[in-house]
Amino acid sequence: MKSAVRGRRSRSTRITVQCATTARNVPPAARIRQWARAALASDAQVTIRIVGQAEGRLLNRSYRRRDYATNVLTFVFRDQPPLEGDLALCAPVITREARAQRKPVAAHYAHMIMHGLLHLQGYEHDNDADAATMERRERALLARFGYPDPYRLRTPRGG
């Protein structure tokens, strides 16, 4: 894991929320900002954009060379405080995953926002040790909002 940024946030954190989809179950911007602030350990300038299937696929294809829409993409512009970056969340993918996992859509949005912002802060999940560290942090953040462990029903890695 790249060293995670830790420290106190001051009032210079700015979170912009853009909704570029007509999806009906997108959480309110104020709630999105609340989840985002909880996940950030330092000052940041972040734009969180909620997108549809087509834009999600285009972004994933353009930046990761994967021709499908994914749940969340993190774009890091500055990895030292104040952090700067964008998140793109694909509404149809998040809704589909939430239903498949039998959890509230809002809980999955919270998880994906926190997951994306942990990436912005240097957390990774490329190996089991880093994944365990990142998942521990996600569980703790989600518990603050009363959301259950998103990994509790998952099969073991590689299985």
Protein backbone atom coordinates (compact mmCIF):
# COMPACT_ATOMS: atom_id res chain seq x y z
CA MET A 1 0.00 0.00 0.00
CA LYS A 2 1.24 3.44 -0.82
CA SER A 3 1.41 5.36 2.44
CA ALA A 4 -2.00 6.67 3.29
CA VAL A 5 -2.34 10.35 4.01
CA ARG A 6 -3.32 10.95 7.60
CA GLY A 7 -3.94 14.16 9.44
CA ARG A 8 -6.52 16.72 10.38
CA ARG A 9 -8.77 18.35 7.83
CA SER A 10 -9.31 22.06 7.95
CA ARG A 11 -12.03 24.00 6.24
CA SER A 12 -10.29 23.91 2.87
CA THR A 13 -11.99 20.68 1.80
CA ARG A 14 -14.34 21.22 -1.14
CA ILE A 15 -16.56 18.46 -2.49
CA THR A 16 -18.50 19.14 -5.67
CA VAL A 17 -21.26 16.73 -6.68
CA GLN A 18 -22.39 16.48 -10.30
CA CYS A 19 -25.31 14.33 -11.36
CA ALA A 20 -25.13 13.53 -15.07
CA THR A 21 -27.80 10.83 -15.08
CA THR A 22 -31.56 10.56 -14.82
CA ALA A 23 -31.30 7.60 -12.43
CA ARG A 24 -33.96 7.90 -9.75
CA ASN A 25 -32.16 6.42 -6.78
CA VAL A 26 -29.10 8.67 -6.61
CA PRO A 27 -28.61 9.87 -3.03
CA PRO A 28 -28.92 13.60 -2.34
CA ALA A 29 -25.77 15.67 -2.82
CA ALA A 30 -25.68 16.58 0.88
CA ARG A 31 -25.55 12.89 1.83
CA ILE A 32 -22.83 12.20 -0.75
CA ARG A 33 -20.76 15.05 0.71
CA GLN A 34 -21.27 13.67 4.21
CA TRP A 35 -19.95 10.23 3.20
CA ALA A 36 -17.05 11.84 1.35
CA ARG A 37 -16.00 14.03 4.28
CA ALA A 38 -16.02 10.99 6.56
CA ALA A 39 -13.63 9.16 4.22
CA LEU A 40 -11.15 12.01 3.85
CA ALA A 41 -8.31 12.25 6.37
CA SER A 42 -6.86 15.48 4.96
CA ASP A 43 -7.85 18.57 3.01
CA ALA A 44 -9.06 17.85 -0.50
CA GLN A 45 -10.68 19.27 -3.58
CA VAL A 46 -12.87 16.52 -5.03
CA THR A 47 -15.53 16.32 -7.70
CA ILE A 48 -17.89 13.37 -7.46
CA ARG A 49 -19.74 12.79 -10.72
CA ILE A 50 -22.64 10.36 -10.98
CA VAL A 51 -22.81 9.08 -14.56
CA GLY A 52 -24.92 6.81 -16.73
CA GLN A 53 -23.93 3.59 -18.45
CA ALA A 54 -22.55 5.19 -21.63
CA GLU A 55 -20.33 7.72 -19.87
CA GLY A 56 -19.18 5.10 -17.37
CA ARG A 57 -18.15 2.78 -20.17
CA LEU A 58 -16.42 5.56 -22.10
CA LEU A 59 -14.40 6.63 -19.04
CA ASN A 60 -13.37 3.07 -18.20
CA ARG A 61 -12.41 2.37 -21.82
CA SER A 62 -10.51 5.65 -22.18
CA TYR A 63 -8.56 5.52 -18.92
CA ARG A 64 -8.31 1.82 -18.06
CA ARG A 65 -8.70 0.20 -21.51
CA ARG A 66 -11.62 -1.89 -20.24
CA ASP A 67 -14.70 -1.81 -22.43
CA TYR A 68 -17.44 -1.85 -19.80
CA ALA A 69 -18.88 0.46 -17.20
CA THR A 70 -17.56 -0.11 -13.69
CA ASN A 71 -18.91 1.03 -10.32
CA VAL A 72 -16.34 3.70 -9.40
CA LEU A 73 -13.30 5.25 -11.02
CA THR A 74 -10.83 7.41 -9.12
CA PHE A 75 -8.78 10.05 -10.90
CA VAL A 76 -5.90 11.37 -8.78
CA PHE A 77 -4.57 14.79 -9.76
CA ARG A 78 -2.63 15.52 -6.57
CA ASP A 79 -1.70 12.83 -4.06
CA GLN A 80 -0.37 15.12 -1.31
CA PRO A 81 -2.51 17.41 0.87
CA PRO A 82 -4.49 19.16 -0.22
CA LEU A 83 -5.52 16.16 -2.29
CA GLU A 84 -7.15 16.75 -5.65
CA GLY A 85 -9.14 14.30 -7.69
CA ASP A 86 -12.37 13.18 -9.26
CA LEU A 87 -14.61 10.19 -8.71
CA ALA A 88 -16.95 8.88 -11.38
CA LEU A 89 -19.72 6.61 -10.09
CA CYS A 90 -21.86 4.71 -12.59
CA ALA A 91 -25.44 4.78 -11.31
CA PRO A 92 -26.74 1.73 -13.23
CA VAL A 93 -23.79 -0.42 -12.15
CA ILE A 94 -24.11 0.61 -8.49
CA THR A 95 -27.86 -0.09 -8.54
CA ARG A 96 -27.38 -3.47 -10.21
CA GLU A 97 -24.65 -4.49 -7.75
CA ALA A 98 -26.66 -3.35 -4.73
CA ARG A 99 -29.63 -5.44 -5.85
CA ALA A 100 -27.42 -8.47 -6.54
CA GLN A 101 -25.87 -8.09 -3.07
CA ARG A 102 -29.31 -7.55 -1.51
CA LYS A 103 -28.42 -4.31 0.18
CA PRO A 104 -29.81 -0.79 0.04
CA VAL A 105 -28.62 1.22 -2.94
CA ALA A 106 -27.61 4.06 -0.58
CA ALA A 107 -25.33 1.69 1.34
CA HIS A 108 -23.57 0.71 -1.89
CA TYR A 109 -23.18 4.35 -2.95
CA ALA A 110 -21.63 5.11 0.44
CA HIS A 111 -19.27 2.18 0.05
CA MET A 112 -18.20 3.11 -3.49
CA ILE A 113 -17.65 6.77 -2.55
CA MET A 114 -15.54 5.78 0.44
CA HIS A 115 -13.68 3.16 -1.61
CA GLY A 116 -12.88 5.68 -4.33
CA LEU A 117 -11.73 8.31 -1.85
CA LEU A 118 -9.49 5.81 -0.07
CA HIS A 119 -7.80 5.23 -3.45
CA LEU A 120 -7.33 9.01 -3.71
CA GLN A 121 -5.52 8.84 -0.36
CA GLY A 122 -3.15 6.09 -1.48
CA TYR A 123 -4.97 2.95 -0.37
CA GLU A 124 -4.75 0.03 -2.80
CA HIS A 125 -5.99 -3.55 -2.98
CA ASP A 126 -3.46 -5.12 -5.33
CA ASN A 127 -2.45 -7.80 -2.83
CA ASP A 128 -4.08 -9.51 0.15
CA ALA A 129 -2.33 -7.40 2.82
CA ASP A 130 -3.20 -4.07 1.18
CA ALA A 131 -6.75 -5.25 0.48
CA ALA A 132 -7.20 -6.23 4.14
CA THR A 133 -6.03 -2.79 5.28
CA MET A 134 -8.31 -0.98 2.85
CA GLU A 135 -11.30 -3.18 3.65
CA ARG A 136 -10.80 -2.65 7.40
CA ARG A 137 -10.94 1.10 6.84
CA GLU A 138 -14.06 0.78 4.65
CA ARG A 139 -15.81 -1.33 7.30
CA ALA A 140 -15.06 1.22 10.01
CA LEU A 141 -16.27 4.14 7.87
CA LEU A 142 -19.47 2.40 6.82
CA ALA A 143 -20.23 1.34 10.41
CA ARG A 144 -20.26 5.03 11.40
CA PHE A 145 -23.33 5.38 9.18
CA GLY A 146 -24.95 2.16 10.35
CA TYR A 147 -24.14 0.24 7.17
CA PRO A 148 -23.14 -3.43 7.45
CA ASP A 149 -19.83 -4.96 6.43
CA PRO A 150 -19.90 -5.04 2.62
CA TYR A 151 -17.46 -7.97 2.53
CA ARG A 152 -19.19 -10.33 4.95
CA LEU A 153 -20.81 -12.50 2.27
CA ARG A 154 -17.92 -12.46 -0.17
CA THR A 155 -16.10 -15.63 -1.08
CA PRO A 156 -12.40 -15.78 -0.10
CA ARG A 157 -9.85 -14.21 -2.46
CA GLY A 158 -9.19 -16.33 -5.47
CA GLY A 159 -12.17 -18.53 -4.71
